[in-house]
Amino acid sequence: MLRILLFAVVALTAAAQEKWPPVATFSILGYDPATGEIGGAVQSRVFSVGNGVLWAEAGVGVAATQAIVDVSYGPQALTLLKLGYRPVKILTAIHEADPDPMPERWTKQGRQFAVMNAQGEYAAFTGPKASAWAGHRGGKFCTAQGNILAGEAVVEAMIEAFEKTTGHLSARLLAALEGGQKAGGDKRGMQSAAMLIVKKDGGVWLHNDVVLRLQVDDHAEPITELRRLVESATKRFRLGAN
C-alpha cells in the first residue's frame, strides 16, 4: 500500500525526465525543542538552490533533496511524515519506490536526501554514485549532508557550528553554513543559498506558518548575503525575543 501511495504522489516517466547537472550542495536540517521551530539551510554552486532543495511544513517536518535531484522526494517525505512514518522508514520507502527511469544518466543511486520530523528525529541517505566527496553526519537535533564537497570536514564543521551556536534557530542554521564554507564547502565555489523555518502560526501576519523563507539566488558571496537577510529579519520580526 505504501508503494501505491508513493506512486500516487508523483508519477515519474522517462519522457518527463531531463538531464540536469548534479546539485553540488551542502545543507543542514535543524530543530529547536525550546520553540518547536524546524527548518533548514543550504548553499550551492548552482543558480537558485532554494528553489528545490528545502521542503518543510509546520507540525510535520522538513526535508532536503539534492545531488542527482528528484524534487518529488520532498513532497513525498512530507506526505509520509503526516501519515506517521518515521524518517528512516521514509528514506527506504521513497528510494525503493523510485522508478529510476533513466538509470544511465539520472540514477537514483546518485541521489542524496534527508528527512526530519517535527520532534527532531531524522535520517539521511547518500547514494553510492553521488559525486565525491559526498556524505552526511548527524548531531543533536541536526543533520548535515553534502556532495561535491572539499571533504568530510565540511559536514563535520556544520554539525559542530550548529551545536555550539546559541540563539534563534536561524542563527544556528546560518552558523552551520558558515562553518561548512570555512571548512572548504562546495569544491566548485559559491552561487546561491537559502533558509526555510516553519512553526504553526509562527510567522508574521495571520495564519502564517513560515517563520523565515529567505533566498539568495545568484551572488558572489551568498552566505554573507544570507547573513544580512537573517540579521535584518531578526530585527524586524524580533526573532528569539520571546
C-alpha atoms as a PDB file:
ATOM      1  CA  MET A   1       0.000   0.000   0.000  1.00  0.00           C
ATOM      2  CA  LEU A   2       2.861   2.340   0.796  1.00  0.00           C
ATOM      3  CA  ARG A   3       4.335   1.781  -2.658  1.00  0.00           C
ATOM      4  CA  ILE A   4       0.967   2.612  -4.258  1.00  0.00           C
ATOM      5  CA  LEU A   5       0.753   5.809  -2.236  1.00  0.00           C
ATOM      6  CA  LEU A   6       4.218   6.908  -3.294  1.00  0.00           C
ATOM      7  CA  PHE A   7       3.447   6.417  -6.949  1.00  0.00           C
ATOM      8  CA  ALA A   8       0.187   8.318  -6.483  1.00  0.00           C
ATOM      9  CA  VAL A   9       2.055  11.278  -5.018  1.00  0.00           C
ATOM     10  CA  VAL A  10       4.262  11.602  -8.095  1.00  0.00           C
ATOM     11  CA  ALA A  11       4.086   9.728 -11.390  1.00  0.00           C
ATOM     12  CA  LEU A  12       7.526   9.836 -12.967  1.00  0.00           C
ATOM     13  CA  THR A  13       8.114   8.844 -16.582  1.00  0.00           C
ATOM     14  CA  ALA A  14      11.201   8.750 -18.749  1.00  0.00           C
ATOM     15  CA  ALA A  15       9.695  11.331 -21.080  1.00  0.00           C
ATOM     16  CA  ALA A  16       9.354  13.802 -18.234  1.00  0.00           C
ATOM     17  CA  GLN A  17      12.974  13.495 -17.158  1.00  0.00           C
ATOM     18  CA  GLU A  18      15.696  15.816 -18.398  1.00  0.00           C
ATOM     19  CA  LYS A  19      19.416  15.615 -17.854  1.00  0.00           C
ATOM     20  CA  TRP A  20      20.394  18.242 -15.317  1.00  0.00           C
ATOM     21  CA  PRO A  21      23.768  18.578 -13.623  1.00  0.00           C
ATOM     22  CA  PRO A  22      24.093  17.359 -10.013  1.00  0.00           C
ATOM     23  CA  VAL A  23      23.193  19.956  -7.393  1.00  0.00           C
ATOM     24  CA  ALA A  24      26.544  20.204  -5.623  1.00  0.00           C
ATOM     25  CA  THR A  25      25.246  21.247  -2.264  1.00  0.00           C
ATOM     26  CA  PHE A  26      25.731  21.293   1.464  1.00  0.00           C
ATOM     27  CA  SER A  27      22.635  21.596   3.623  1.00  0.00           C
ATOM     28  CA  ILE A  28      21.581  21.280   7.239  1.00  0.00           C
ATOM     29  CA  LEU A  29      18.250  20.435   8.818  1.00  0.00           C
ATOM     30  CA  GLY A  30      17.661  21.504  12.404  1.00  0.00           C
ATOM     31  CA  TYR A  31      15.104  21.582  15.201  1.00  0.00           C
ATOM     32  CA  ASP A  32      14.758  23.784  18.269  1.00  0.00           C
ATOM     33  CA  PRO A  33      12.942  21.889  21.057  1.00  0.00           C
ATOM     34  CA  ALA A  34      12.530  25.104  23.073  1.00  0.00           C
ATOM     35  CA  THR A  35      10.436  26.837  20.402  1.00  0.00           C
ATOM     36  CA  GLY A  36       9.188  23.951  18.277  1.00  0.00           C
ATOM     37  CA  GLU A  37      10.630  25.570  15.167  1.00  0.00           C
ATOM     38  CA  ILE A  38      12.081  23.335  12.476  1.00  0.00           C
ATOM     39  CA  GLY A  39      13.885  24.189   9.270  1.00  0.00           C
ATOM     40  CA  GLY A  40      16.914  24.002   7.056  1.00  0.00           C
ATOM     41  CA  ALA A  41      19.561  25.973   5.215  1.00  0.00           C
ATOM     42  CA  VAL A  42      21.536  25.255   2.054  1.00  0.00           C
ATOM     43  CA  GLN A  43      24.357  26.627  -0.125  1.00  0.00           C
ATOM     44  CA  SER A  44      25.444  25.548  -3.587  1.00  0.00           C
ATOM     45  CA  ARG A  45      27.304  26.439  -6.762  1.00  0.00           C
ATOM     46  CA  VAL A  46      24.079  26.432  -8.762  1.00  0.00           C
ATOM     47  CA  PHE A  47      21.551  29.147  -9.530  1.00  0.00           C
ATOM     48  CA  SER A  48      18.646  29.425  -7.056  1.00  0.00           C
ATOM     49  CA  VAL A  49      19.372  26.340  -4.961  1.00  0.00           C
ATOM     50  CA  GLY A  50      16.468  27.208  -2.663  1.00  0.00           C
ATOM     51  CA  ASN A  51      14.048  26.515  -5.492  1.00  0.00           C
ATOM     52  CA  GLY A  52      14.071  22.767  -4.999  1.00  0.00           C
ATOM     53  CA  VAL A  53      16.192  21.546  -2.080  1.00  0.00           C
ATOM     54  CA  LEU A  54      14.282  22.534   1.061  1.00  0.00           C
ATOM     55  CA  TRP A  55      10.760  21.391   1.928  1.00  0.00           C
ATOM     56  CA  ALA A  56       9.023  21.998   5.258  1.00  0.00           C
ATOM     57  CA  GLU A  57       5.598  22.047   6.855  1.00  0.00           C
ATOM     58  CA  ALA A  58       4.806  23.254  10.365  1.00  0.00           C
ATOM     59  CA  GLY A  59       3.974  20.460  12.781  1.00  0.00           C
ATOM     60  CA  VAL A  60       5.125  17.902  10.209  1.00  0.00           C
ATOM     61  CA  GLY A  61       8.824  18.197   9.456  1.00  0.00           C
ATOM     62  CA  VAL A  62      11.463  19.210   6.937  1.00  0.00           C
ATOM     63  CA  ALA A  63      13.328  17.524   4.082  1.00  0.00           C
ATOM     64  CA  ALA A  64      16.262  18.244   1.802  1.00  0.00           C
ATOM     65  CA  THR A  65      16.757  16.650  -1.626  1.00  0.00           C
ATOM     66  CA  GLN A  66      19.989  17.217  -3.533  1.00  0.00           C
ATOM     67  CA  ALA A  67      22.797  15.712  -5.690  1.00  0.00           C
ATOM     68  CA  ILE A  68      21.083  13.899  -8.619  1.00  0.00           C
ATOM     69  CA  VAL A  69      17.868  15.609  -7.609  1.00  0.00           C
ATOM     70  CA  ASP A  70      14.368  14.225  -7.782  1.00  0.00           C
ATOM     71  CA  VAL A  71      12.480  17.168  -6.312  1.00  0.00           C
ATOM     72  CA  SER A  72       9.420  14.990  -5.683  1.00  0.00           C
ATOM     73  CA  TYR A  73      11.267  13.369  -2.785  1.00  0.00           C
ATOM     74  CA  GLY A  74      10.478  16.489  -0.734  1.00  0.00           C
ATOM     75  CA  PRO A  75       6.677  16.450  -1.057  1.00  0.00           C
ATOM     76  CA  GLN A  76       6.659  12.664  -0.731  1.00  0.00           C
ATOM     77  CA  ALA A  77       8.571  12.901   2.544  1.00  0.00           C
ATOM     78  CA  LEU A  78       6.129  15.450   3.983  1.00  0.00           C
ATOM     79  CA  THR A  79       3.171  13.294   2.947  1.00  0.00           C
ATOM     80  CA  LEU A  80       4.582  10.247   4.696  1.00  0.00           C
ATOM     81  CA  LEU A  81       5.526  12.260   7.792  1.00  0.00           C
ATOM     82  CA  LYS A  82       1.896  13.348   8.078  1.00  0.00           C
ATOM     83  CA  LEU A  83       0.891   9.688   7.951  1.00  0.00           C
ATOM     84  CA  GLY A  84       3.122   8.985  10.930  1.00  0.00           C
ATOM     85  CA  TYR A  85       6.048   7.242   9.253  1.00  0.00           C
ATOM     86  CA  ARG A  86       9.441   7.625  10.921  1.00  0.00           C
ATOM     87  CA  PRO A  87      12.238   9.298   8.934  1.00  0.00           C
ATOM     88  CA  VAL A  88      14.312   6.134   8.480  1.00  0.00           C
ATOM     89  CA  LYS A  89      11.303   4.292   7.054  1.00  0.00           C
ATOM     90  CA  ILE A  90      10.558   7.214   4.752  1.00  0.00           C
ATOM     91  CA  LEU A  91      14.051   7.147   3.253  1.00  0.00           C
ATOM     92  CA  THR A  92      13.771   3.466   2.423  1.00  0.00           C
ATOM     93  CA  ALA A  93      10.223   3.684   1.090  1.00  0.00           C
ATOM     94  CA  ILE A  94      10.820   6.643  -1.226  1.00  0.00           C
ATOM     95  CA  HIS A  95      14.107   5.355  -2.587  1.00  0.00           C
ATOM     96  CA  GLU A  96      12.813   1.837  -3.199  1.00  0.00           C
ATOM     97  CA  ALA A  97       9.732   3.216  -4.983  1.00  0.00           C
ATOM     98  CA  ASP A  98      11.841   5.472  -7.232  1.00  0.00           C
ATOM     99  CA  PRO A  99      11.265   4.118 -10.778  1.00  0.00           C
ATOM    100  CA  ASP A 100      14.694   5.402 -11.869  1.00  0.00           C
ATOM    101  CA  PRO A 101      13.514   5.965 -15.465  1.00  0.00           C
ATOM    102  CA  MET A 102      16.943   6.960 -16.808  1.00  0.00           C
ATOM    103  CA  PRO A 103      19.477   4.924 -14.792  1.00  0.00           C
ATOM    104  CA  GLU A 104      22.244   5.517 -17.313  1.00  0.00           C
ATOM    105  CA  ARG A 105      22.103   9.295 -16.726  1.00  0.00           C
ATOM    106  CA  TRP A 106      19.711  10.067 -13.894  1.00  0.00           C
ATOM    107  CA  THR A 107      20.443   7.254 -11.492  1.00  0.00           C
ATOM    108  CA  LYS A 108      18.689   7.154  -8.152  1.00  0.00           C
ATOM    109  CA  GLN A 109      21.926   5.817  -6.664  1.00  0.00           C
ATOM    110  CA  GLY A 110      23.286   9.338  -7.050  1.00  0.00           C
ATOM    111  CA  ARG A 111      20.554  10.977  -5.001  1.00  0.00           C
ATOM    112  CA  GLN A 112      21.065  12.455  -1.550  1.00  0.00           C
ATOM    113  CA  PHE A 113      18.287  13.406   0.820  1.00  0.00           C
ATOM    114  CA  ALA A 114      17.455  13.890   4.481  1.00  0.00           C
ATOM    115  CA  VAL A 115      14.218  13.937   6.473  1.00  0.00           C
ATOM    116  CA  MET A 116      13.458  15.282   9.960  1.00  0.00           C
ATOM    117  CA  ASN A 117      10.117  15.074  11.754  1.00  0.00           C
ATOM    118  CA  ALA A 118       8.524  17.686  13.998  1.00  0.00           C
ATOM    119  CA  GLN A 119      10.173  16.161  17.077  1.00  0.00           C
ATOM    120  CA  GLY A 120      13.692  16.448  15.672  1.00  0.00           C
ATOM    121  CA  GLU A 121      14.109  12.766  14.761  1.00  0.00           C
ATOM    122  CA  TYR A 122      15.978  12.454  11.471  1.00  0.00           C
ATOM    123  CA  ALA A 123      17.543  10.156   8.904  1.00  0.00           C
ATOM    124  CA  ALA A 124      19.741  10.821   5.865  1.00  0.00           C
ATOM    125  CA  PHE A 125      20.813   8.957   2.729  1.00  0.00           C
ATOM    126  CA  THR A 126      23.766   9.435   0.378  1.00  0.00           C
ATOM    127  CA  GLY A 127      23.737   7.286  -2.743  1.00  0.00           C
ATOM    128  CA  PRO A 128      26.958   5.482  -3.694  1.00  0.00           C
ATOM    129  CA  LYS A 129      27.011   7.330  -7.031  1.00  0.00           C
ATOM    130  CA  ALA A 130      26.740  10.839  -5.558  1.00  0.00           C
ATOM    131  CA  SER A 131      29.734  12.878  -6.709  1.00  0.00           C
ATOM    132  CA  ALA A 132      32.655  12.813  -4.278  1.00  0.00           C
ATOM    133  CA  TRP A 133      33.140  13.943  -1.669  1.00  0.00           C
ATOM    134  CA  ALA A 134      29.621  13.083  -0.630  1.00  0.00           C
ATOM    135  CA  GLY A 135      28.218  12.088   2.729  1.00  0.00           C
ATOM    136  CA  HIS A 136      26.218  13.090   5.789  1.00  0.00           C
ATOM    137  CA  ARG A 137      26.719  13.469   9.518  1.00  0.00           C
ATOM    138  CA  GLY A 138      24.238  13.787  12.363  1.00  0.00           C
ATOM    139  CA  GLY A 139      24.247  15.682  15.635  1.00  0.00           C
ATOM    140  CA  LYS A 140      21.802  16.661  18.350  1.00  0.00           C
ATOM    141  CA  PHE A 141      18.632  17.797  16.587  1.00  0.00           C
ATOM    142  CA  CYS A 142      20.523  18.346  13.326  1.00  0.00           C
ATOM    143  CA  THR A 143      21.756  16.534  10.235  1.00  0.00           C
ATOM    144  CA  ALA A 144      24.225  17.881   7.655  1.00  0.00           C
ATOM    145  CA  GLN A 145      24.700  16.456   4.176  1.00  0.00           C
ATOM    146  CA  GLY A 146      26.590  17.426   1.042  1.00  0.00           C
ATOM    147  CA  ASN A 147      28.115  16.352  -2.244  1.00  0.00           C
ATOM    148  CA  ILE A 148      30.989  17.578  -4.457  1.00  0.00           C
ATOM    149  CA  LEU A 149      32.496  18.944  -1.243  1.00  0.00           C
ATOM    150  CA  ALA A 150      36.069  19.714  -0.277  1.00  0.00           C
ATOM    151  CA  GLY A 151      35.867  16.775   2.122  1.00  0.00           C
ATOM    152  CA  GLU A 152      34.296  15.189   5.162  1.00  0.00           C
ATOM    153  CA  ALA A 153      35.367  18.143   7.299  1.00  0.00           C
ATOM    154  CA  VAL A 154      32.633  20.261   5.703  1.00  0.00           C
ATOM    155  CA  VAL A 155      29.695  18.365   7.213  1.00  0.00           C
ATOM    156  CA  GLU A 156      31.562  17.822  10.478  1.00  0.00           C
ATOM    157  CA  ALA A 157      32.148  21.564  10.805  1.00  0.00           C
ATOM    158  CA  MET A 158      28.471  22.214  10.109  1.00  0.00           C
ATOM    159  CA  ILE A 159      27.332  19.980  12.947  1.00  0.00           C
ATOM    160  CA  GLU A 160      29.868  21.487  15.327  1.00  0.00           C
ATOM    161  CA  ALA A 161      28.810  25.042  14.473  1.00  0.00           C
ATOM    162  CA  PHE A 162      25.108  24.257  14.845  1.00  0.00           C
ATOM    163  CA  GLU A 163      25.588  22.657  18.250  1.00  0.00           C
ATOM    164  CA  LYS A 164      27.879  25.381  19.599  1.00  0.00           C
ATOM    165  CA  THR A 165      25.806  28.351  18.442  1.00  0.00           C
ATOM    166  CA  THR A 166      23.117  29.790  20.703  1.00  0.00           C
ATOM    167  CA  GLY A 167      20.091  31.929  19.920  1.00  0.00           C
ATOM    168  CA  HIS A 168      17.349  31.615  17.350  1.00  0.00           C
ATOM    169  CA  LEU A 169      17.265  28.619  15.007  1.00  0.00           C
ATOM    170  CA  SER A 170      18.103  30.914  12.084  1.00  0.00           C
ATOM    171  CA  ALA A 171      21.387  31.868  13.759  1.00  0.00           C
ATOM    172  CA  ARG A 172      22.283  28.229  14.296  1.00  0.00           C
ATOM    173  CA  LEU A 173      21.482  27.201  10.734  1.00  0.00           C
ATOM    174  CA  LEU A 174      23.437  30.157   9.391  1.00  0.00           C
ATOM    175  CA  ALA A 175      26.429  29.327  11.585  1.00  0.00           C
ATOM    176  CA  ALA A 176      26.372  25.800  10.176  1.00  0.00           C
ATOM    177  CA  LEU A 177      26.602  27.097   6.597  1.00  0.00           C
ATOM    178  CA  GLU A 178      29.436  29.424   7.555  1.00  0.00           C
ATOM    179  CA  GLY A 179      31.235  26.575   9.298  1.00  0.00           C
ATOM    180  CA  GLY A 180      30.850  24.352   6.265  1.00  0.00           C
ATOM    181  CA  GLN A 181      32.141  27.025   3.930  1.00  0.00           C
ATOM    182  CA  LYS A 182      35.119  27.735   6.173  1.00  0.00           C
ATOM    183  CA  ALA A 183      35.975  24.027   6.014  1.00  0.00           C
ATOM    184  CA  GLY A 184      36.065  24.126   2.211  1.00  0.00           C
ATOM    185  CA  GLY A 185      32.423  23.990   1.158  1.00  0.00           C
ATOM    186  CA  ASP A 186      31.429  23.130  -2.390  1.00  0.00           C
ATOM    187  CA  LYS A 187      34.577  22.344  -4.415  1.00  0.00           C
ATOM    188  CA  ARG A 188      33.203  24.376  -7.330  1.00  0.00           C
ATOM    189  CA  GLY A 189      32.591  27.561  -5.332  1.00  0.00           C
ATOM    190  CA  MET A 190      29.525  29.539  -4.270  1.00  0.00           C
ATOM    191  CA  GLN A 191      26.475  30.960  -6.009  1.00  0.00           C
ATOM    192  CA  SER A 192      23.233  30.661  -4.058  1.00  0.00           C
ATOM    193  CA  ALA A 193      21.874  29.991  -0.581  1.00  0.00           C
ATOM    194  CA  ALA A 194      18.515  29.638   1.140  1.00  0.00           C
ATOM    195  CA  MET A 195      16.856  29.153   4.518  1.00  0.00           C
ATOM    196  CA  LEU A 196      13.392  27.914   5.471  1.00  0.00           C
ATOM    197  CA  ILE A 197      12.000  27.774   9.034  1.00  0.00           C
ATOM    198  CA  VAL A 198       8.424  26.888   9.987  1.00  0.00           C
ATOM    199  CA  LYS A 199       6.236  26.760  13.088  1.00  0.00           C
ATOM    200  CA  LYS A 200       2.473  26.664  13.450  1.00  0.00           C
ATOM    201  CA  ASP A 201       1.312  30.314  13.404  1.00  0.00           C
ATOM    202  CA  GLY A 202       4.946  31.315  13.916  1.00  0.00           C
ATOM    203  CA  GLY A 203       5.168  33.785  11.032  1.00  0.00           C
ATOM    204  CA  VAL A 204       4.153  37.398  10.761  1.00  0.00           C
ATOM    205  CA  TRP A 205       0.529  38.214   9.847  1.00  0.00           C
ATOM    206  CA  LEU A 206      -2.367  35.834  10.459  1.00  0.00           C
ATOM    207  CA  HIS A 207      -2.357  32.099   9.783  1.00  0.00           C
ATOM    208  CA  ASN A 208       1.246  32.070   8.635  1.00  0.00           C
ATOM    209  CA  ASP A 209       3.394  29.060   9.494  1.00  0.00           C
ATOM    210  CA  VAL A 210       6.513  30.391   7.755  1.00  0.00           C
ATOM    211  CA  VAL A 211       8.889  31.970  10.255  1.00  0.00           C
ATOM    212  CA  LEU A 212      11.514  32.645   7.575  1.00  0.00           C
ATOM    213  CA  ARG A 213      11.788  31.919   3.873  1.00  0.00           C
ATOM    214  CA  LEU A 214      14.942  33.527   2.514  1.00  0.00           C
ATOM    215  CA  GLN A 215      16.665  33.008  -0.831  1.00  0.00           C
ATOM    216  CA  VAL A 216      19.862  34.352  -2.331  1.00  0.00           C
ATOM    217  CA  ASP A 217      19.638  33.151  -5.915  1.00  0.00           C
ATOM    218  CA  ASP A 218      22.795  34.491  -7.561  1.00  0.00           C
ATOM    219  CA  HIS A 219      25.560  36.169  -5.553  1.00  0.00           C
ATOM    220  CA  ALA A 220      29.348  36.105  -5.308  1.00  0.00           C
ATOM    221  CA  GLU A 221      29.053  35.686  -1.515  1.00  0.00           C
ATOM    222  CA  PRO A 222      25.659  34.044  -0.960  1.00  0.00           C
ATOM    223  CA  ILE A 223      26.220  33.078   2.669  1.00  0.00           C
ATOM    224  CA  THR A 224      27.306  36.604   3.549  1.00  0.00           C
ATOM    225  CA  GLU A 225      24.191  37.944   1.846  1.00  0.00           C
ATOM    226  CA  LEU A 226      22.053  35.361   3.649  1.00  0.00           C
ATOM    227  CA  ARG A 227      23.527  36.583   6.935  1.00  0.00           C
ATOM    228  CA  ARG A 228      22.476  40.130   6.067  1.00  0.00           C
ATOM    229  CA  LEU A 229      18.929  38.934   5.414  1.00  0.00           C
ATOM    230  CA  VAL A 230      18.797  36.858   8.607  1.00  0.00           C
ATOM    231  CA  GLU A 231      20.045  39.777  10.699  1.00  0.00           C
ATOM    232  CA  SER A 232      17.502  42.089   9.085  1.00  0.00           C
ATOM    233  CA  ALA A 233      14.677  39.627   9.725  1.00  0.00           C
ATOM    234  CA  THR A 234      15.816  39.140  13.321  1.00  0.00           C
ATOM    235  CA  LYS A 235      15.458  42.868  13.960  1.00  0.00           C
ATOM    236  CA  ARG A 236      12.226  43.326  12.032  1.00  0.00           C
ATOM    237  CA  PHE A 237      10.435  40.308  13.451  1.00  0.00           C
ATOM    238  CA  ARG A 238      12.216  40.211  16.822  1.00  0.00           C
ATOM    239  CA  LEU A 239      13.174  36.576  16.300  1.00  0.00           C
ATOM    240  CA  GLY A 240      14.173  34.838  19.503  1.00  0.00           C
ATOM    241  CA  ALA A 241      12.894  37.704  21.635  1.00  0.00           C
ATOM    242  CA  ASN A 242      10.108  35.680  23.246  1.00  0.00           C
END
